[in-house]
C-alpha atoms as a PDB file:
ATOM      1  CA  MET A   1     190.705  18.638 112.559  1.00  0.00           C
ATOM      2  CA  PRO A   2     187.048  17.315 112.865  1.00  0.00           C
ATOM      3  CA  ALA A   3     185.715  16.306 116.249  1.00  0.00           C
ATOM      4  CA  ASP A   4     186.401  12.570 116.881  1.00  0.00           C
ATOM      5  CA  THR A   5     184.592  12.315 120.256  1.00  0.00           C
ATOM      6  CA  ILE A   6     180.825  12.277 120.900  1.00  0.00           C
ATOM      7  CA  VAL A   7     179.304  12.808 124.411  1.00  0.00           C
ATOM      8  CA  LEU A   8     175.728  11.590 124.797  1.00  0.00           C
ATOM      9  CA  VAL A   9     173.689  12.987 127.472  1.00  0.00           C
ATOM     10  CA  HIS A  10     170.753  11.245 128.829  1.00  0.00           C
ATOM     11  CA  GLY A  11     167.542  12.772 130.293  1.00  0.00           C
ATOM     12  CA  PHE A  12     165.199  11.958 133.193  1.00  0.00           C
ATOM     13  CA  TRP A  13     163.306   8.729 133.744  1.00  0.00           C
ATOM     14  CA  VAL A  14     166.182   7.006 132.025  1.00  0.00           C
ATOM     15  CA  THR A  15     169.934   6.357 132.387  1.00  0.00           C
ATOM     16  CA  PRO A  16     172.788   6.070 129.898  1.00  0.00           C
ATOM     17  CA  ARG A  17     171.533   2.616 128.953  1.00  0.00           C
ATOM     18  CA  SER A  18     168.873   4.410 126.708  1.00  0.00           C
ATOM     19  CA  TRP A  19     171.935   5.341 124.378  1.00  0.00           C
ATOM     20  CA  GLU A  20     173.078   1.753 124.223  1.00  0.00           C
ATOM     21  CA  HIS A  21     172.440   1.354 120.443  1.00  0.00           C
ATOM     22  CA  TRP A  22     173.778   4.964 119.539  1.00  0.00           C
ATOM     23  CA  ILE A  23     177.038   4.056 121.477  1.00  0.00           C
ATOM     24  CA  THR A  24     177.814   0.950 119.244  1.00  0.00           C
ATOM     25  CA  HIS A  25     176.517   2.733 116.173  1.00  0.00           C
ATOM     26  CA  TYR A  26     178.919   5.624 116.515  1.00  0.00           C
ATOM     27  CA  GLU A  27     181.768   3.412 117.661  1.00  0.00           C
ATOM     28  CA  ALA A  28     181.326   1.475 114.398  1.00  0.00           C
ATOM     29  CA  ARG A  29     181.779   4.761 112.614  1.00  0.00           C
ATOM     30  CA  GLY A  30     185.237   5.248 114.350  1.00  0.00           C
ATOM     31  CA  PHE A  31     184.347   7.595 116.955  1.00  0.00           C
ATOM     32  CA  LYS A  32     185.103   7.605 120.705  1.00  0.00           C
ATOM     33  CA  VAL A  33     181.758   7.698 122.512  1.00  0.00           C
ATOM     34  CA  LEU A  34     181.172   8.718 126.132  1.00  0.00           C
ATOM     35  CA  ALA A  35     177.759   8.418 127.843  1.00  0.00           C
ATOM     36  CA  PRO A  36     178.322   9.721 131.229  1.00  0.00           C
ATOM     37  CA  ALA A  37     175.672   9.018 133.993  1.00  0.00           C
ATOM     38  CA  TYR A  38     174.744  11.711 136.397  1.00  0.00           C
ATOM     39  CA  ARG A  39     176.744  11.204 139.739  1.00  0.00           C
ATOM     40  CA  GLY A  40     175.048   8.445 141.657  1.00  0.00           C
ATOM     41  CA  PHE A  41     173.424   7.072 138.453  1.00  0.00           C
ATOM     42  CA  GLU A  42     176.391   4.914 137.566  1.00  0.00           C
ATOM     43  CA  VAL A  43     174.498   1.763 138.802  1.00  0.00           C
ATOM     44  CA  GLU A  44     172.131  -0.173 136.748  1.00  0.00           C
ATOM     45  CA  VAL A  45     168.493   0.627 136.038  1.00  0.00           C
ATOM     46  CA  GLU A  46     167.368  -2.254 138.435  1.00  0.00           C
ATOM     47  CA  SER A  47     169.388  -0.809 141.237  1.00  0.00           C
ATOM     48  CA  LEU A  48     167.940   2.713 140.877  1.00  0.00           C
ATOM     49  CA  ASN A  49     164.425   1.396 140.909  1.00  0.00           C
ATOM     50  CA  ALA A  50     165.208  -0.668 143.918  1.00  0.00           C
ATOM     51  CA  ASP A  51     166.818   2.285 145.664  1.00  0.00           C
ATOM     52  CA  PRO A  52     166.034   5.701 144.138  1.00  0.00           C
ATOM     53  CA  GLY A  53     168.008   7.549 146.679  1.00  0.00           C
ATOM     54  CA  PRO A  54     170.555   9.044 144.288  1.00  0.00           C
ATOM     55  CA  VAL A  55     167.557  10.438 142.106  1.00  0.00           C
ATOM     56  CA  THR A  56     166.451  12.677 145.099  1.00  0.00           C
ATOM     57  CA  LYS A  57     169.920  14.015 145.549  1.00  0.00           C
ATOM     58  CA  VAL A  58     170.827  15.044 141.957  1.00  0.00           C
ATOM     59  CA  THR A  59     170.671  18.697 141.030  1.00  0.00           C
ATOM     60  CA  VAL A  60     171.082  20.605 137.666  1.00  0.00           C
ATOM     61  CA  PRO A  61     174.222  22.514 138.893  1.00  0.00           C
ATOM     62  CA  ALA A  62     175.857  19.199 139.893  1.00  0.00           C
ATOM     63  CA  ILE A  63     175.004  17.493 136.578  1.00  0.00           C
ATOM     64  CA  ILE A  64     176.483  20.369 134.620  1.00  0.00           C
ATOM     65  CA  GLU A  65     179.569  20.527 136.836  1.00  0.00           C
ATOM     66  CA  HIS A  66     180.014  16.677 136.373  1.00  0.00           C
ATOM     67  CA  LEU A  67     179.583  16.929 132.616  1.00  0.00           C
ATOM     68  CA  GLU A  68     182.035  19.872 132.175  1.00  0.00           C
ATOM     69  CA  THR A  69     184.644  18.036 134.203  1.00  0.00           C
ATOM     70  CA  ILE A  70     184.458  15.106 131.804  1.00  0.00           C
ATOM     71  CA  ILE A  71     184.669  17.317 128.791  1.00  0.00           C
ATOM     72  CA  ARG A  72     187.518  19.292 130.157  1.00  0.00           C
ATOM     73  CA  GLY A  73     189.538  16.073 130.345  1.00  0.00           C
ATOM     74  CA  LEU A  74     189.264  15.402 126.452  1.00  0.00           C
ATOM     75  CA  ASP A  75     191.933  16.320 124.049  1.00  0.00           C
ATOM     76  CA  ALA A  76     189.575  18.400 121.840  1.00  0.00           C
ATOM     77  CA  PRO A  77     186.029  19.763 121.986  1.00  0.00           C
ATOM     78  CA  PRO A  78     183.522  16.996 121.383  1.00  0.00           C
ATOM     79  CA  ILE A  79     180.221  16.909 119.610  1.00  0.00           C
ATOM     80  CA  ILE A  80     177.520  16.833 122.314  1.00  0.00           C
ATOM     81  CA  ILE A  81     174.123  15.163 121.749  1.00  0.00           C
ATOM     82  CA  GLY A  82     171.464  15.357 124.553  1.00  0.00           C
ATOM     83  CA  HIS A  83     167.995  13.864 124.661  1.00  0.00           C
ATOM     84  CA  SER A  84     165.145  15.248 126.667  1.00  0.00           C
ATOM     85  CA  ALA A  85     166.487  16.970 129.749  1.00  0.00           C
ATOM     86  CA  GLY A  86     169.958  16.138 128.287  1.00  0.00           C
ATOM     87  CA  GLY A  87     169.089  18.447 125.370  1.00  0.00           C
ATOM     88  CA  ALA A  88     168.587  21.362 127.961  1.00  0.00           C
ATOM     89  CA  PHE A  89     171.870  20.376 129.471  1.00  0.00           C
ATOM     90  CA  THR A  90     173.479  20.351 125.984  1.00  0.00           C
ATOM     91  CA  GLN A  91     172.316  23.902 125.592  1.00  0.00           C
ATOM     92  CA  ILE A  92     173.879  24.846 128.913  1.00  0.00           C
ATOM     93  CA  LEU A  93     177.168  23.249 128.096  1.00  0.00           C
ATOM     94  CA  LEU A  94     177.399  24.991 124.758  1.00  0.00           C
ATOM     95  CA  ASP A  95     176.608  28.326 126.428  1.00  0.00           C
ATOM     96  CA  HIS A  96     179.354  27.714 128.797  1.00  0.00           C
ATOM     97  CA  GLY A  97     181.749  27.353 126.001  1.00  0.00           C
ATOM     98  CA  PHE A  98     181.937  23.445 125.681  1.00  0.00           C
ATOM     99  CA  GLY A  99     181.643  21.420 122.615  1.00  0.00           C
ATOM    100  CA  ALA A 100     182.439  21.811 118.882  1.00  0.00           C
ATOM    101  CA  ALA A 101     178.617  21.502 117.975  1.00  0.00           C
ATOM    102  CA  GLY A 102     175.596  20.371 119.852  1.00  0.00           C
ATOM    103  CA  VAL A 103     172.255  18.596 119.173  1.00  0.00           C
ATOM    104  CA  ALA A 104     169.348  18.960 121.556  1.00  0.00           C
ATOM    105  CA  MET A 105     167.054  16.122 120.716  1.00  0.00           C
ATOM    106  CA  ASN A 106     163.397  16.086 121.886  1.00  0.00           C
ATOM    107  CA  SER A 107     164.799  18.759 124.409  1.00  0.00           C
ATOM    108  CA  ALA A 108     163.421  20.047 127.444  1.00  0.00           C
ATOM    109  CA  PRO A 109     163.327  23.824 127.348  1.00  0.00           C
ATOM    110  CA  THR A 110     165.833  26.220 128.930  1.00  0.00           C
ATOM    111  CA  GLU A 111     164.554  29.147 131.051  1.00  0.00           C
ATOM    112  CA  GLY A 112     162.285  31.687 129.285  1.00  0.00           C
ATOM    113  CA  VAL A 113     160.442  29.044 127.118  1.00  0.00           C
ATOM    114  CA  ARG A 114     156.755  29.373 128.138  1.00  0.00           C
ATOM    115  CA  VAL A 115     155.137  27.176 125.750  1.00  0.00           C
ATOM    116  CA  VAL A 116     153.326  24.355 127.606  1.00  0.00           C
ATOM    117  CA  PRO A 117     151.199  22.059 125.423  1.00  0.00           C
ATOM    118  CA  LEU A 118     148.482  20.053 127.134  1.00  0.00           C
ATOM    119  CA  SER A 119     150.113  16.793 126.210  1.00  0.00           C
ATOM    120  CA  GLN A 120     153.202  18.054 128.180  1.00  0.00           C
ATOM    121  CA  VAL A 121     151.167  18.819 131.104  1.00  0.00           C
ATOM    122  CA  LYS A 122     149.664  15.293 131.097  1.00  0.00           C
ATOM    123  CA  SER A 123     153.021  13.714 130.636  1.00  0.00           C
ATOM    124  CA  THR A 124     154.515  15.511 133.698  1.00  0.00           C
ATOM    125  CA  PHE A 125     151.319  15.299 135.766  1.00  0.00           C
ATOM    126  CA  PRO A 126     152.466  12.338 137.848  1.00  0.00           C
ATOM    127  CA  VAL A 127     155.181  14.971 139.203  1.00  0.00           C
ATOM    128  CA  LEU A 128     153.262  18.064 139.311  1.00  0.00           C
ATOM    129  CA  LYS A 129     150.082  16.851 140.731  1.00  0.00           C
ATOM    130  CA  SER A 130     151.544  17.533 144.304  1.00  0.00           C
ATOM    131  CA  PRO A 131     154.029  20.009 145.540  1.00  0.00           C
ATOM    132  CA  ALA A 132     155.111  17.330 147.929  1.00  0.00           C
ATOM    133  CA  ASN A 133     156.743  15.465 144.968  1.00  0.00           C
ATOM    134  CA  ARG A 134     159.408  18.191 144.948  1.00  0.00           C
ATOM    135  CA  HIS A 135     161.184  16.037 147.737  1.00  0.00           C
ATOM    136  CA  LYS A 136     160.656  12.703 146.117  1.00  0.00           C
ATOM    137  CA  ALA A 137     161.864  10.395 143.270  1.00  0.00           C
ATOM    138  CA  ILE A 138     158.861   9.945 141.108  1.00  0.00           C
ATOM    139  CA  PRO A 139     158.389   6.781 138.968  1.00  0.00           C
ATOM    140  CA  LEU A 140     156.047   6.437 135.931  1.00  0.00           C
ATOM    141  CA  THR A 141     153.547   3.512 135.550  1.00  0.00           C
ATOM    142  CA  PHE A 142     153.663   1.784 132.239  1.00  0.00           C
ATOM    143  CA  GLU A 143     150.699   3.571 131.089  1.00  0.00           C
ATOM    144  CA  GLN A 144     152.088   6.957 131.915  1.00  0.00           C
ATOM    145  CA  TRP A 145     155.549   5.968 130.253  1.00  0.00           C
ATOM    146  CA  ASN A 146     153.825   4.787 127.239  1.00  0.00           C
ATOM    147  CA  TYR A 147     151.870   8.161 126.914  1.00  0.00           C
ATOM    148  CA  ALA A 148     154.914  10.286 127.435  1.00  0.00           C
ATOM    149  CA  PHE A 149     157.842   8.219 125.761  1.00  0.00           C
ATOM    150  CA  THR A 150     156.459   5.539 123.506  1.00  0.00           C
ATOM    151  CA  ASN A 151     152.991   6.497 122.183  1.00  0.00           C
ATOM    152  CA  THR A 152     153.877   5.435 118.568  1.00  0.00           C
ATOM    153  CA  PHE A 153     155.560   2.112 119.527  1.00  0.00           C
ATOM    154  CA  PRO A 154     153.986  -1.328 119.393  1.00  0.00           C
ATOM    155  CA  ASP A 155     152.644  -2.142 122.935  1.00  0.00           C
ATOM    156  CA  ASP A 156     155.057  -5.159 123.489  1.00  0.00           C
ATOM    157  CA  GLU A 157     158.166  -2.961 122.470  1.00  0.00           C
ATOM    158  CA  ALA A 158     156.922  -0.120 124.627  1.00  0.00           C
ATOM    159  CA  ARG A 159     156.687  -2.465 127.671  1.00  0.00           C
ATOM    160  CA  ARG A 160     160.063  -4.031 126.950  1.00  0.00           C
ATOM    161  CA  LEU A 161     161.776  -0.664 126.890  1.00  0.00           C
ATOM    162  CA  TYR A 162     159.859   0.461 129.921  1.00  0.00           C
ATOM    163  CA  GLU A 163     161.315  -2.642 131.862  1.00  0.00           C
ATOM    164  CA  ARG A 164     164.757  -2.064 130.338  1.00  0.00           C
ATOM    165  CA  TYR A 165     165.071   1.804 130.749  1.00  0.00           C
ATOM    166  CA  ALA A 166     162.645   3.422 132.984  1.00  0.00           C
ATOM    167  CA  ILE A 167     163.706   4.818 136.485  1.00  0.00           C
ATOM    168  CA  PRO A 168     162.267   7.452 138.787  1.00  0.00           C
ATOM    169  CA  ALA A 169     162.894  11.210 138.123  1.00  0.00           C
ATOM    170  CA  SER A 170     163.709  14.011 140.436  1.00  0.00           C
ATOM    171  CA  GLY A 171     160.525  15.869 141.642  1.00  0.00           C
ATOM    172  CA  ALA A 172     162.667  18.781 142.588  1.00  0.00           C
ATOM    173  CA  ILE A 173     164.219  19.265 139.099  1.00  0.00           C
ATOM    174  CA  VAL A 174     160.907  18.840 137.270  1.00  0.00           C
ATOM    175  CA  TRP A 175     159.187  21.254 139.565  1.00  0.00           C
ATOM    176  CA  GLY A 176     162.312  23.593 139.195  1.00  0.00           C
ATOM    177  CA  GLY A 177     161.785  23.666 135.493  1.00  0.00           C
ATOM    178  CA  VAL A 178     158.204  24.749 135.860  1.00  0.00           C
ATOM    179  CA  LEU A 179     159.041  27.485 138.442  1.00  0.00           C
ATOM    180  CA  ALA A 180     162.111  28.814 136.491  1.00  0.00           C
ATOM    181  CA  ASN A 181     159.926  31.254 134.455  1.00  0.00           C
ATOM    182  CA  PHE A 182     158.323  32.646 137.574  1.00  0.00           C
ATOM    183  CA  GLN A 183     161.178  33.380 139.942  1.00  0.00           C
ATOM    184  CA  PRO A 184     163.553  36.370 139.736  1.00  0.00           C
ATOM    185  CA  GLY A 185     167.106  35.981 138.613  1.00  0.00           C
ATOM    186  CA  HIS A 186     168.777  33.314 136.584  1.00  0.00           C
ATOM    187  CA  GLN A 187     167.660  29.792 137.433  1.00  0.00           C
ATOM    188  CA  ASP A 188     169.493  26.488 136.857  1.00  0.00           C
ATOM    189  CA  THR A 189     168.426  26.179 133.326  1.00  0.00           C
ATOM    190  CA  TRP A 190     169.316  29.676 132.173  1.00  0.00           C
ATOM    191  CA  VAL A 191     171.440  30.306 129.021  1.00  0.00           C
ATOM    192  CA  ASP A 192     172.482  33.503 127.174  1.00  0.00           C
ATOM    193  CA  TYR A 193     170.469  33.467 124.035  1.00  0.00           C
ATOM    194  CA  LYS A 194     172.740  36.255 122.564  1.00  0.00           C
ATOM    195  CA  ASN A 195     176.024  34.297 123.054  1.00  0.00           C
ATOM    196  CA  ASP A 196     177.853  34.658 119.800  1.00  0.00           C
ATOM    197  CA  ALA A 197     180.595  32.481 120.958  1.00  0.00           C
ATOM    198  CA  ARG A 198     178.380  29.422 121.451  1.00  0.00           C
ATOM    199  CA  ALA A 199     179.016  26.449 119.231  1.00  0.00           C
ATOM    200  CA  PRO A 200     176.337  25.558 116.452  1.00  0.00           C
ATOM    201  CA  LEU A 201     173.172  23.975 117.865  1.00  0.00           C
ATOM    202  CA  LEU A 202     170.616  21.762 116.056  1.00  0.00           C
ATOM    203  CA  PHE A 203     167.160  21.063 117.690  1.00  0.00           C
ATOM    204  CA  VAL A 204     165.622  17.729 116.676  1.00  0.00           C
ATOM    205  CA  SER A 205     161.966  16.985 117.376  1.00  0.00           C
ATOM    206  CA  GLY A 206     159.518  14.155 116.713  1.00  0.00           C
ATOM    207  CA  SER A 207     156.102  15.143 115.359  1.00  0.00           C
ATOM    208  CA  GLU A 208     154.353  12.756 117.859  1.00  0.00           C
ATOM    209  CA  ASP A 209     156.377  13.652 121.013  1.00  0.00           C
ATOM    210  CA  HIS A 210     153.944  14.175 123.860  1.00  0.00           C
ATOM    211  CA  ILE A 211     156.298  15.361 126.550  1.00  0.00           C
ATOM    212  CA  MET A 212     158.254  17.777 124.661  1.00  0.00           C
ATOM    213  CA  PRO A 213     156.388  18.360 121.455  1.00  0.00           C
ATOM    214  CA  PRO A 214     157.654  20.142 118.361  1.00  0.00           C
ATOM    215  CA  GLU A 215     156.239  23.536 119.431  1.00  0.00           C
ATOM    216  CA  VAL A 216     158.524  23.464 122.472  1.00  0.00           C
ATOM    217  CA  GLN A 217     161.486  22.920 120.250  1.00  0.00           C
ATOM    218  CA  ARG A 218     160.456  25.666 117.818  1.00  0.00           C
ATOM    219  CA  SER A 219     160.024  28.121 120.683  1.00  0.00           C
ATOM    220  CA  ASN A 220     163.322  27.192 122.229  1.00  0.00           C
ATOM    221  CA  ALA A 221     165.160  27.609 119.076  1.00  0.00           C
ATOM    222  CA  LYS A 222     163.382  31.052 118.384  1.00  0.00           C
ATOM    223  CA  HIS A 223     164.633  32.350 121.710  1.00  0.00           C
ATOM    224  CA  TYR A 224     168.346  32.362 120.299  1.00  0.00           C
ATOM    225  CA  LYS A 225     169.251  35.649 118.891  1.00  0.00           C
ATOM    226  CA  SER A 226     172.890  35.137 118.363  1.00  0.00           C
ATOM    227  CA  ASN A 227     174.880  34.907 115.116  1.00  0.00           C
ATOM    228  CA  THR A 228     175.817  31.425 115.792  1.00  0.00           C
ATOM    229  CA  VAL A 229     174.082  28.689 113.715  1.00  0.00           C
ATOM    230  CA  THR A 230     170.855  27.450 115.332  1.00  0.00           C
ATOM    231  CA  GLU A 231     168.641  25.108 113.279  1.00  0.00           C
ATOM    232  CA  ILE A 232     165.706  22.765 113.783  1.00  0.00           C
ATOM    233  CA  ARG A 233     164.650  19.407 112.276  1.00  0.00           C
ATOM    234  CA  GLU A 234     161.486  17.570 112.798  1.00  0.00           C
ATOM    235  CA  TYR A 235     160.991  13.932 112.038  1.00  0.00           C
ATOM    236  CA  ASP A 236     157.548  12.833 111.142  1.00  0.00           C
ATOM    237  CA  GLY A 237     156.009   9.972 113.302  1.00  0.00           C
ATOM    238  CA  TYR A 238     158.512   9.906 116.027  1.00  0.00           C
ATOM    239  CA  ALA A 239     157.695   9.887 119.676  1.00  0.00           C
ATOM    240  CA  HIS A 240     159.784  11.041 122.503  1.00  0.00           C
ATOM    241  CA  LEU A 241     161.818   8.203 122.892  1.00  0.00           C
ATOM    242  CA  LEU A 242     163.221   8.704 119.359  1.00  0.00           C
ATOM    243  CA  PRO A 243     166.661   7.156 120.029  1.00  0.00           C
ATOM    244  CA  ALA A 244     165.079   3.730 120.307  1.00  0.00           C
ATOM    245  CA  GLN A 245     162.330   4.033 117.668  1.00  0.00           C
ATOM    246  CA  ASP A 246     162.556   1.985 114.486  1.00  0.00           C
ATOM    247  CA  GLY A 247     164.692   4.206 111.899  1.00  0.00           C
ATOM    248  CA  TRP A 248     166.751   5.656 114.572  1.00  0.00           C
ATOM    249  CA  GLU A 249     169.937   4.824 112.634  1.00  0.00           C
ATOM    250  CA  LEU A 250     169.113   7.238 109.850  1.00  0.00           C
ATOM    251  CA  ILE A 251     168.498  10.103 112.487  1.00  0.00           C
ATOM    252  CA  ALA A 252     171.709   9.246 114.243  1.00  0.00           C
ATOM    253  CA  ASP A 253     173.750   9.408 111.101  1.00  0.00           C
ATOM    254  CA  GLU A 254     171.958  12.685 109.891  1.00  0.00           C
ATOM    255  CA  VAL A 255     172.437  14.527 113.152  1.00  0.00           C
ATOM    256  CA  LEU A 256     176.079  13.518 113.405  1.00  0.00           C
ATOM    257  CA  ASP A 257     176.777  14.557 109.813  1.00  0.00           C
ATOM    258  CA  TRP A 258     175.260  18.030 110.531  1.00  0.00           C
ATOM    259  CA  ALA A 259     177.430  18.408 113.703  1.00  0.00           C
ATOM    260  CA  LEU A 260     180.586  17.380 111.767  1.00  0.00           C
ATOM    261  CA  GLU A 261     179.694  19.854 108.941  1.00  0.00           C
ATOM    262  CA  HIS A 262     179.280  22.775 111.371  1.00  0.00           C
ATOM    263  CA  SER A 263     181.814  21.961 114.055  1.00  0.00           C
END
């Protein structure tokens, strides 16, 4: 029986609100759709901007444990689609044996991916410019958001989405991702690249993505040495906030059809 449930995993600097159009789109196709927030992120964007305390408390292990608890409660393995950091979490979930198929969209890298393009450095510099930010929730100005997320969008649309979606991100987790390749032992974003039991995985990248450029996706995909399906697709002209860019409906349908075919 094909999967009938889709789990959408959001990334950093946004909440599940960033999936709002994909939720209704997939529901219209007859699927049950879940877009769980990280614990503490269940409130609205405006509340997290007013009080970012929950952002400073979140950790990758806690996010994964929360998502696994939700998926365990389903009747059958779902299709998991994650964006940005949610793409890395999707990879971890698949490695842990969850999901019928997964899509890592504009994905943050898992441990071992050392490609760091200059545009990624510039995008994350608001966090990485100071080690003291490891203990803070770091917001982006509109100009920083526009460079990292919406660099191909009309200015008025970029500003509207900034006001609707943007929240601070955990400095601890962003710094942890950078340091993961330089510390001994498995870190929070480690996966077994040789896991033959892992569900099929599709990487999706936008050609104009500044914060997670296509070369990051390609490197991440090449790390997988298992016999399980691992593929990559690149969409020309798309920025990091691909799920909200004009034409997203076609991408939403294509990645879902891929996941259904391979699940």
